[in-house]
C-alpha atoms as a PDB file:
ATOM      1  CA  MET A   1      80.690  34.122  49.851  1.00  0.00           C
ATOM      2  CA  GLU A   2      77.487  34.425  51.841  1.00  0.00           C
ATOM      3  CA  MET A   3      77.847  36.150  55.194  1.00  0.00           C
ATOM      4  CA  ASN A   4      76.046  34.516  58.098  1.00  0.00           C
ATOM      5  CA  HIS A   5      74.556  37.288  60.185  1.00  0.00           C
ATOM      6  CA  TRP A   6      73.031  37.105  63.671  1.00  0.00           C
ATOM      7  CA  LYS A   7      69.147  36.806  63.467  1.00  0.00           C
ATOM      8  CA  SER A   8      66.768  38.141  66.029  1.00  0.00           C
ATOM      9  CA  ASN A   9      64.285  35.599  67.534  1.00  0.00           C
ATOM     10  CA  SER A  10      61.316  37.595  66.577  1.00  0.00           C
ATOM     11  CA  LEU A  11      57.714  36.666  67.457  1.00  0.00           C
ATOM     12  CA  THR A  12      56.496  38.606  64.354  1.00  0.00           C
ATOM     13  CA  ASN A  13      57.151  37.336  60.815  1.00  0.00           C
ATOM     14  CA  ARG A  14      59.742  40.053  60.130  1.00  0.00           C
ATOM     15  CA  ALA A  15      63.066  38.827  61.701  1.00  0.00           C
ATOM     16  CA  LYS A  16      65.826  41.409  61.990  1.00  0.00           C
ATOM     17  CA  TYR A  17      69.406  40.623  60.998  1.00  0.00           C
ATOM     18  CA  TYR A  18      72.314  42.178  62.865  1.00  0.00           C
ATOM     19  CA  LYS A  19      75.201  42.803  60.294  1.00  0.00           C
ATOM     20  CA  THR A  20      76.913  45.764  62.111  1.00  0.00           C
ATOM     21  CA  ILE A  21      77.005  47.258  65.521  1.00  0.00           C
ATOM     22  CA  ASP A  22      74.854  50.030  64.378  1.00  0.00           C
ATOM     23  CA  ASP A  23      71.974  47.653  63.703  1.00  0.00           C
ATOM     24  CA  PHE A  24      71.455  47.167  67.540  1.00  0.00           C
ATOM     25  CA  PRO A  25      69.143  49.478  69.561  1.00  0.00           C
ATOM     26  CA  GLU A  26      70.861  52.561  71.009  1.00  0.00           C
ATOM     27  CA  GLY A  27      72.426  51.725  74.510  1.00  0.00           C
ATOM     28  CA  THR A  28      72.825  47.908  73.833  1.00  0.00           C
ATOM     29  CA  VAL A  29      75.674  46.589  75.709  1.00  0.00           C
ATOM     30  CA  GLY A  30      75.541  42.803  74.653  1.00  0.00           C
ATOM     31  CA  PHE A  31      73.094  40.079  73.776  1.00  0.00           C
ATOM     32  CA  VAL A  32      71.993  36.610  74.850  1.00  0.00           C
ATOM     33  CA  TYR A  33      72.231  34.088  72.034  1.00  0.00           C
ATOM     34  CA  ARG A  34      71.468  30.614  70.929  1.00  0.00           C
ATOM     35  CA  ILE A  35      73.779  29.040  68.416  1.00  0.00           C
ATOM     36  CA  THR A  36      72.903  25.758  66.782  1.00  0.00           C
ATOM     37  CA  HIS A  37      75.196  23.640  64.600  1.00  0.00           C
ATOM     38  CA  LYS A  38      73.390  22.831  61.344  1.00  0.00           C
ATOM     39  CA  GLU A  39      74.710  19.267  60.886  1.00  0.00           C
ATOM     40  CA  THR A  40      74.580  17.945  64.502  1.00  0.00           C
ATOM     41  CA  ASN A  41      71.701  20.044  65.687  1.00  0.00           C
ATOM     42  CA  GLU A  42      73.717  20.758  68.909  1.00  0.00           C
ATOM     43  CA  SER A  43      72.957  24.209  70.609  1.00  0.00           C
ATOM     44  CA  TYR A  44      74.452  26.409  73.037  1.00  0.00           C
ATOM     45  CA  ILE A  45      73.022  29.468  75.037  1.00  0.00           C
ATOM     46  CA  GLY A  46      75.323  32.206  76.093  1.00  0.00           C
ATOM     47  CA  LYS A  47      75.808  35.926  76.218  1.00  0.00           C
ATOM     48  CA  LYS A  48      78.161  38.226  74.340  1.00  0.00           C
ATOM     49  CA  ILE A  49      79.343  41.821  74.949  1.00  0.00           C
ATOM     50  CA  LEU A  50      79.592  44.138  71.976  1.00  0.00           C
ATOM     51  CA  LYS A  51      82.450  46.341  73.103  1.00  0.00           C
ATOM     52  CA  HIS A  52      85.435  45.694  75.470  1.00  0.00           C
ATOM     53  CA  LYS A  53      86.645  48.365  77.791  1.00  0.00           C
ATOM     54  CA  LYS A  54      90.354  49.173  77.686  1.00  0.00           C
ATOM     55  CA  THR A  55      92.021  51.470  80.221  1.00  0.00           C
ATOM     56  CA  LEU A  56      95.185  53.338  78.942  1.00  0.00           C
ATOM     57  CA  PRO A  57      97.692  55.140  81.065  1.00  0.00           C
ATOM     58  CA  PRO A  58      97.393  58.886  81.434  1.00  0.00           C
ATOM     59  CA  LEU A  59      98.930  61.237  78.919  1.00  0.00           C
ATOM     60  CA  LYS A  60     102.183  62.938  79.919  1.00  0.00           C
ATOM     61  CA  GLY A  61     101.240  65.688  82.347  1.00  0.00           C
ATOM     62  CA  TYR A  62      97.887  64.391  83.210  1.00  0.00           C
ATOM     63  CA  LYS A  63      96.770  62.149  86.065  1.00  0.00           C
ATOM     64  CA  ARG A  64      93.433  60.610  84.798  1.00  0.00           C
ATOM     65  CA  ARG A  65      93.736  57.332  82.985  1.00  0.00           C
ATOM     66  CA  ARG A  66      92.071  57.169  79.477  1.00  0.00           C
ATOM     67  CA  VAL A  67      89.249  54.775  78.553  1.00  0.00           C
ATOM     68  CA  THR A  68      88.645  53.416  75.064  1.00  0.00           C
ATOM     69  CA  TYR A  69      86.362  50.844  73.729  1.00  0.00           C
ATOM     70  CA  LYS A  70      87.007  48.233  71.133  1.00  0.00           C
ATOM     71  CA  GLU A  71      84.393  46.254  69.258  1.00  0.00           C
ATOM     72  CA  SER A  72      84.370  42.579  70.166  1.00  0.00           C
ATOM     73  CA  ASP A  73      84.473  39.571  67.672  1.00  0.00           C
ATOM     74  CA  TRP A  74      80.583  39.246  68.022  1.00  0.00           C
ATOM     75  CA  GLN A  75      80.211  38.898  64.230  1.00  0.00           C
ATOM     76  CA  THR A  76      82.161  35.529  64.047  1.00  0.00           C
ATOM     77  CA  TYR A  77      81.644  34.338  67.686  1.00  0.00           C
ATOM     78  CA  THR A  78      80.462  30.800  68.107  1.00  0.00           C
ATOM     79  CA  GLY A  79      80.420  30.566  71.952  1.00  0.00           C
ATOM     80  CA  SER A  80      82.652  29.787  74.862  1.00  0.00           C
ATOM     81  CA  ASN A  81      82.182  26.123  75.025  1.00  0.00           C
ATOM     82  CA  GLN A  82      85.160  24.043  73.865  1.00  0.00           C
ATOM     83  CA  ILE A  83      83.098  22.324  71.209  1.00  0.00           C
ATOM     84  CA  THR A  84      81.473  25.387  69.848  1.00  0.00           C
ATOM     85  CA  LYS A  85      84.669  27.147  69.640  1.00  0.00           C
ATOM     86  CA  LYS A  86      85.689  24.727  66.875  1.00  0.00           C
ATOM     87  CA  TRP A  87      82.510  25.403  64.782  1.00  0.00           C
ATOM     88  CA  ASN A  88      82.699  27.692  61.823  1.00  0.00           C
ATOM     89  CA  HIS A  89      80.150  30.468  62.159  1.00  0.00           C
ATOM     90  CA  GLN A  90      78.972  29.772  58.687  1.00  0.00           C
ATOM     91  CA  ASP A  91      77.941  26.277  59.673  1.00  0.00           C
ATOM     92  CA  CYS A  92      75.494  27.430  62.438  1.00  0.00           C
ATOM     93  CA  TYR A  93      72.177  29.099  62.949  1.00  0.00           C
ATOM     94  CA  ARG A  94      72.899  32.128  65.197  1.00  0.00           C
ATOM     95  CA  GLU A  95      69.973  33.839  66.827  1.00  0.00           C
ATOM     96  CA  ILE A  96      69.709  36.714  69.296  1.00  0.00           C
ATOM     97  CA  LEU A  97      67.238  35.920  72.017  1.00  0.00           C
ATOM     98  CA  GLU A  98      67.534  39.181  73.884  1.00  0.00           C
ATOM     99  CA  THR A  99      69.509  42.491  73.478  1.00  0.00           C
ATOM    100  CA  CYS A 100      70.572  43.945  76.814  1.00  0.00           C
ATOM    101  CA  CYS A 101      71.394  47.385  78.073  1.00  0.00           C
ATOM    102  CA  ASN A 102      73.754  46.319  80.857  1.00  0.00           C
ATOM    103  CA  LYS A 103      75.706  43.337  81.986  1.00  0.00           C
ATOM    104  CA  THR A 104      73.465  42.487  84.981  1.00  0.00           C
ATOM    105  CA  ILE A 105      70.412  42.253  82.721  1.00  0.00           C
ATOM    106  CA  MET A 106      72.450  40.095  80.327  1.00  0.00           C
ATOM    107  CA  SER A 107      73.362  37.583  82.990  1.00  0.00           C
ATOM    108  CA  TYR A 108      69.704  37.416  84.096  1.00  0.00           C
ATOM    109  CA  PHE A 109      68.460  36.666  80.679  1.00  0.00           C
ATOM    110  CA  GLU A 110      71.173  34.153  79.971  1.00  0.00           C
ATOM    111  CA  VAL A 111      70.156  32.143  83.137  1.00  0.00           C
ATOM    112  CA  LYS A 112      66.389  32.630  82.360  1.00  0.00           C
ATOM    113  CA  TYR A 113      66.736  31.166  78.873  1.00  0.00           C
ATOM    114  CA  GLN A 114      68.968  28.330  80.041  1.00  0.00           C
ATOM    115  CA  PHE A 115      66.316  27.239  82.601  1.00  0.00           C
ATOM    116  CA  ILE A 116      63.337  27.843  80.287  1.00  0.00           C
ATOM    117  CA  LEU A 117      64.979  25.713  77.485  1.00  0.00           C
ATOM    118  CA  ASN A 118      66.115  22.930  79.964  1.00  0.00           C
ATOM    119  CA  VAL A 119      69.703  23.117  78.802  1.00  0.00           C
ATOM    120  CA  LEU A 120      70.890  20.717  81.566  1.00  0.00           C
ATOM    121  CA  GLU A 121      68.291  18.037  80.889  1.00  0.00           C
ATOM    122  CA  ASN A 122      68.550  18.219  77.236  1.00  0.00           C
ATOM    123  CA  ASP A 123      71.307  16.309  75.411  1.00  0.00           C
ATOM    124  CA  ASN A 124      71.085  18.710  72.349  1.00  0.00           C
ATOM    125  CA  TYR A 125      72.393  21.540  74.436  1.00  0.00           C
ATOM    126  CA  LEU A 126      76.111  21.736  75.084  1.00  0.00           C
ATOM    127  CA  ASN A 127      75.806  23.907  78.208  1.00  0.00           C
ATOM    128  CA  GLU A 128      77.460  22.029  81.109  1.00  0.00           C
ATOM    129  CA  ASN A 129      76.353  24.289  83.942  1.00  0.00           C
ATOM    130  CA  ILE A 130      74.194  27.293  84.749  1.00  0.00           C
ATOM    131  CA  SER A 131      75.943  30.200  86.722  1.00  0.00           C
ATOM    132  CA  GLY A 132      78.536  27.653  88.027  1.00  0.00           C
ATOM    133  CA  LYS A 133      76.054  26.441  90.455  1.00  0.00           C
ATOM    134  CA  TYR A 134      73.815  23.884  88.648  1.00  0.00           C
ATOM    135  CA  TYR A 135      75.740  21.158  86.681  1.00  0.00           C
ATOM    136  CA  LYS A 136      74.377  18.903  84.005  1.00  0.00           C
ATOM    137  CA  ASP A 137      76.026  15.726  85.385  1.00  0.00           C
ATOM    138  CA  LYS A 138      74.575  16.336  88.858  1.00  0.00           C
ATOM    139  CA  ILE A 139      71.022  17.022  87.477  1.00  0.00           C
ATOM    140  CA  LYS A 140      71.131  13.882  85.200  1.00  0.00           C
ATOM    141  CA  GLU A 141      72.268  11.771  88.083  1.00  0.00           C
ATOM    142  CA  TYR A 142      69.432  12.943  90.137  1.00  0.00           C
ATOM    143  CA  ILE A 143      66.832  12.351  87.474  1.00  0.00           C
ATOM    144  CA  LYS A 144      68.241   8.875  86.900  1.00  0.00           C
ATOM    145  CA  LYS A 145      67.912   8.084  90.627  1.00  0.00           C
ATOM    146  CA  SER A 146      64.491   9.455  91.057  1.00  0.00           C
ATOM    147  CA  LYS A 147      63.078   7.220  88.104  1.00  0.00           C
ATOM    148  CA  LYS A 148      64.102   4.080  89.989  1.00  0.00           C
END
């Protein structure tokens, strides 16, 4: 069975495929992605962390809590939207738009790409809001009123 890996959105002809966590640049915390369903051509822009932090209680006789990291499900991830969660990752084009070195930068690039690609005005995008402040239904309602 063919594995469907994440592909970088490269401006050069040589695209990079991310198969393991070691394929990412050193210091990468997560990435901003676009996932597109092959049959419906619906897309979603989001962000994904590569490793989750887990805090454990201290060992007996010690006071400091232990911190471990566990790799996330980024290889099979299809997004946080209710519709995209039902998609099989092998039925989608999955591209990494930006690799990020911290969560703040990741949030910035997610919002940047959502605005650049007009996810709230385009029916092909399943994003319902941007940062919980700008909502698709409000934007569409405004556009409809302004055209009258």
